[in-house]
Amino acid sequence: MNLSNLPFIMIRCLLLTIIIELVVGLILGIRNKKDIINIILVNVITNTIVVITPIIVYLRFGYKFEIITLIILEILTVLIEGLIYKKTLKYNKINLILFSLILNICSYSIGEIINKFL
């Protein structure tokens, strides 16, 4: 892995995540502008950690630990984002932990597919 590409990778991952999660959020009924802004801001924080930490772990410890780290971070991200959404979003059509899980499954899965072609 070439670390000189890291800023590009991080920006691409963040933009893809925000776009995918906003589209899915809109499909699920998010309409409030403050809710949309909160989803963007939460992803700016969590996506950065979820992208860079596994890369660092991979460089230091290898692929096996990268995958373990990624799984742990994704689970924590769903929980943390869900709790933040419970405190900040006006959206109440579904449980916000479930909402976070749906957004993260979609962004991870679709992001992986898109990244295969980039």
Protein backbone atom coordinates (compact mmCIF):
# COMPACT_ATOMS: atom_id res chain seq x y z
CA MET A 1 0.00 0.00 0.00
CA ASN A 2 1.29 3.40 -1.00
CA LEU A 3 0.70 5.87 1.85
CA SER A 4 0.97 8.81 -0.52
CA ASN A 5 -2.51 7.80 -1.74
CA LEU A 6 -3.97 7.91 1.78
CA PRO A 7 -5.52 11.41 1.54
CA PHE A 8 -7.18 10.49 -1.76
CA ILE A 9 -8.46 7.20 -0.32
CA MET A 10 -9.84 8.94 2.77
CA ILE A 11 -11.60 11.65 0.78
CA ARG A 12 -13.06 9.13 -1.67
CA CYS A 13 -14.31 6.89 1.15
CA LEU A 14 -15.83 9.81 3.03
CA LEU A 15 -17.61 11.22 -0.02
CA LEU A 16 -18.94 7.80 -1.03
CA THR A 17 -20.15 7.14 2.50
CA ILE A 18 -21.91 10.50 2.78
CA ILE A 19 -23.58 10.16 -0.62
CA ILE A 20 -24.70 6.56 -0.03
CA GLU A 21 -25.94 7.18 3.51
CA LEU A 22 -27.81 10.33 2.52
CA VAL A 23 -29.51 8.57 -0.40
CA VAL A 24 -30.50 5.64 1.83
CA GLY A 25 -31.59 8.08 4.55
CA LEU A 26 -33.79 9.90 2.04
CA ILE A 27 -35.27 6.58 0.91
CA LEU A 28 -36.03 5.79 4.57
CA GLY A 29 -37.76 9.15 5.02
CA ILE A 30 -35.20 11.65 6.28
CA ARG A 31 -36.47 15.09 5.27
CA ASN A 32 -35.34 17.50 7.98
CA LYS A 33 -32.33 19.62 6.93
CA LYS A 34 -30.78 19.45 10.42
CA ASP A 35 -31.04 15.64 10.32
CA ILE A 36 -29.24 15.61 6.97
CA ILE A 37 -26.48 17.87 8.34
CA ASN A 38 -26.15 15.66 11.45
CA ILE A 39 -25.74 12.54 9.30
CA ILE A 40 -22.98 14.29 7.33
CA LEU A 41 -21.17 15.53 10.45
CA VAL A 42 -21.35 12.16 12.23
CA ASN A 43 -19.88 10.47 9.16
CA VAL A 44 -17.04 12.98 8.92
CA ILE A 45 -15.95 11.87 12.38
CA THR A 46 -16.62 8.14 12.27
CA ASN A 47 -15.58 7.48 8.67
CA THR A 48 -12.16 8.98 9.21
CA ILE A 49 -11.51 6.62 12.12
CA VAL A 50 -12.94 3.56 10.34
CA VAL A 51 -10.84 4.18 7.22
CA ILE A 52 -7.46 5.10 8.69
CA THR A 53 -7.30 2.73 11.68
CA PRO A 54 -7.46 -0.55 9.68
CA ILE A 55 -4.82 0.79 7.30
CA ILE A 56 -2.48 1.50 10.20
CA VAL A 57 -3.21 -1.92 11.72
CA TYR A 58 -2.58 -3.60 8.35
CA LEU A 59 0.78 -1.88 7.95
CA ARG A 60 1.83 -2.83 11.48
CA PHE A 61 0.27 -6.27 12.00
CA GLY A 62 -1.02 -7.59 8.65
CA TYR A 63 -4.27 -8.52 6.96
CA LYS A 64 -5.77 -10.77 9.67
CA PHE A 65 -5.66 -8.03 12.29
CA GLU A 66 -6.90 -5.46 9.77
CA ILE A 67 -10.08 -7.49 9.25
CA ILE A 68 -10.62 -7.99 12.99
CA THR A 69 -10.10 -4.26 13.56
CA LEU A 70 -12.52 -3.38 10.76
CA ILE A 71 -15.25 -5.64 12.15
CA ILE A 72 -14.89 -4.18 15.65
CA LEU A 73 -14.87 -0.61 14.30
CA GLU A 74 -17.94 -1.19 12.13
CA ILE A 75 -19.91 -2.60 15.08
CA LEU A 76 -18.84 0.31 17.29
CA THR A 77 -19.69 2.76 14.51
CA VAL A 78 -23.24 1.44 14.20
CA LEU A 79 -23.74 1.71 17.96
CA ILE A 80 -22.11 5.12 18.38
CA GLU A 81 -23.84 6.64 15.35
CA GLY A 82 -27.16 5.16 16.49
CA LEU A 83 -26.77 6.70 19.94
CA ILE A 84 -25.79 10.06 18.46
CA TYR A 85 -28.78 9.88 16.10
CA LYS A 86 -31.06 9.14 19.08
CA LYS A 87 -29.84 12.36 20.70
CA THR A 88 -29.81 14.59 17.62
CA LEU A 89 -32.23 13.47 14.91
CA LYS A 90 -35.91 14.38 14.74
CA TYR A 91 -36.45 11.34 12.50
CA ASN A 92 -38.50 8.69 14.30
CA LYS A 93 -39.87 6.29 11.67
CA ILE A 94 -37.65 3.40 12.80
CA ASN A 95 -35.35 2.71 15.74
CA LEU A 96 -32.24 4.83 15.22
CA ILE A 97 -29.81 2.00 16.04
CA LEU A 98 -31.53 0.01 13.25
CA PHE A 99 -31.40 3.12 11.07
CA SER A 100 -27.64 3.37 11.70
CA LEU A 101 -27.21 -0.33 10.95
CA ILE A 102 -29.06 -0.01 7.63
CA LEU A 103 -27.06 3.06 6.60
CA ASN A 104 -23.75 1.43 7.49
CA ILE A 105 -24.52 -1.90 5.81
CA CYS A 106 -25.51 -0.04 2.64
CA SER A 107 -22.52 2.31 2.65
CA TYR A 108 -20.04 -0.49 3.36
CA SER A 109 -21.51 -2.90 0.80
CA ILE A 110 -22.04 -0.39 -1.98
CA GLY A 111 -18.69 1.25 -1.21
CA GLU A 112 -16.90 -2.10 -1.55
CA ILE A 113 -18.57 -2.70 -4.91
CA ILE A 114 -17.69 0.79 -6.18
CA ASN A 115 -14.10 0.52 -4.89
CA LYS A 116 -13.62 -2.70 -6.89
CA PHE A 117 -14.12 -0.65 -10.05
CA LEU A 118 -12.06 2.42 -9.06
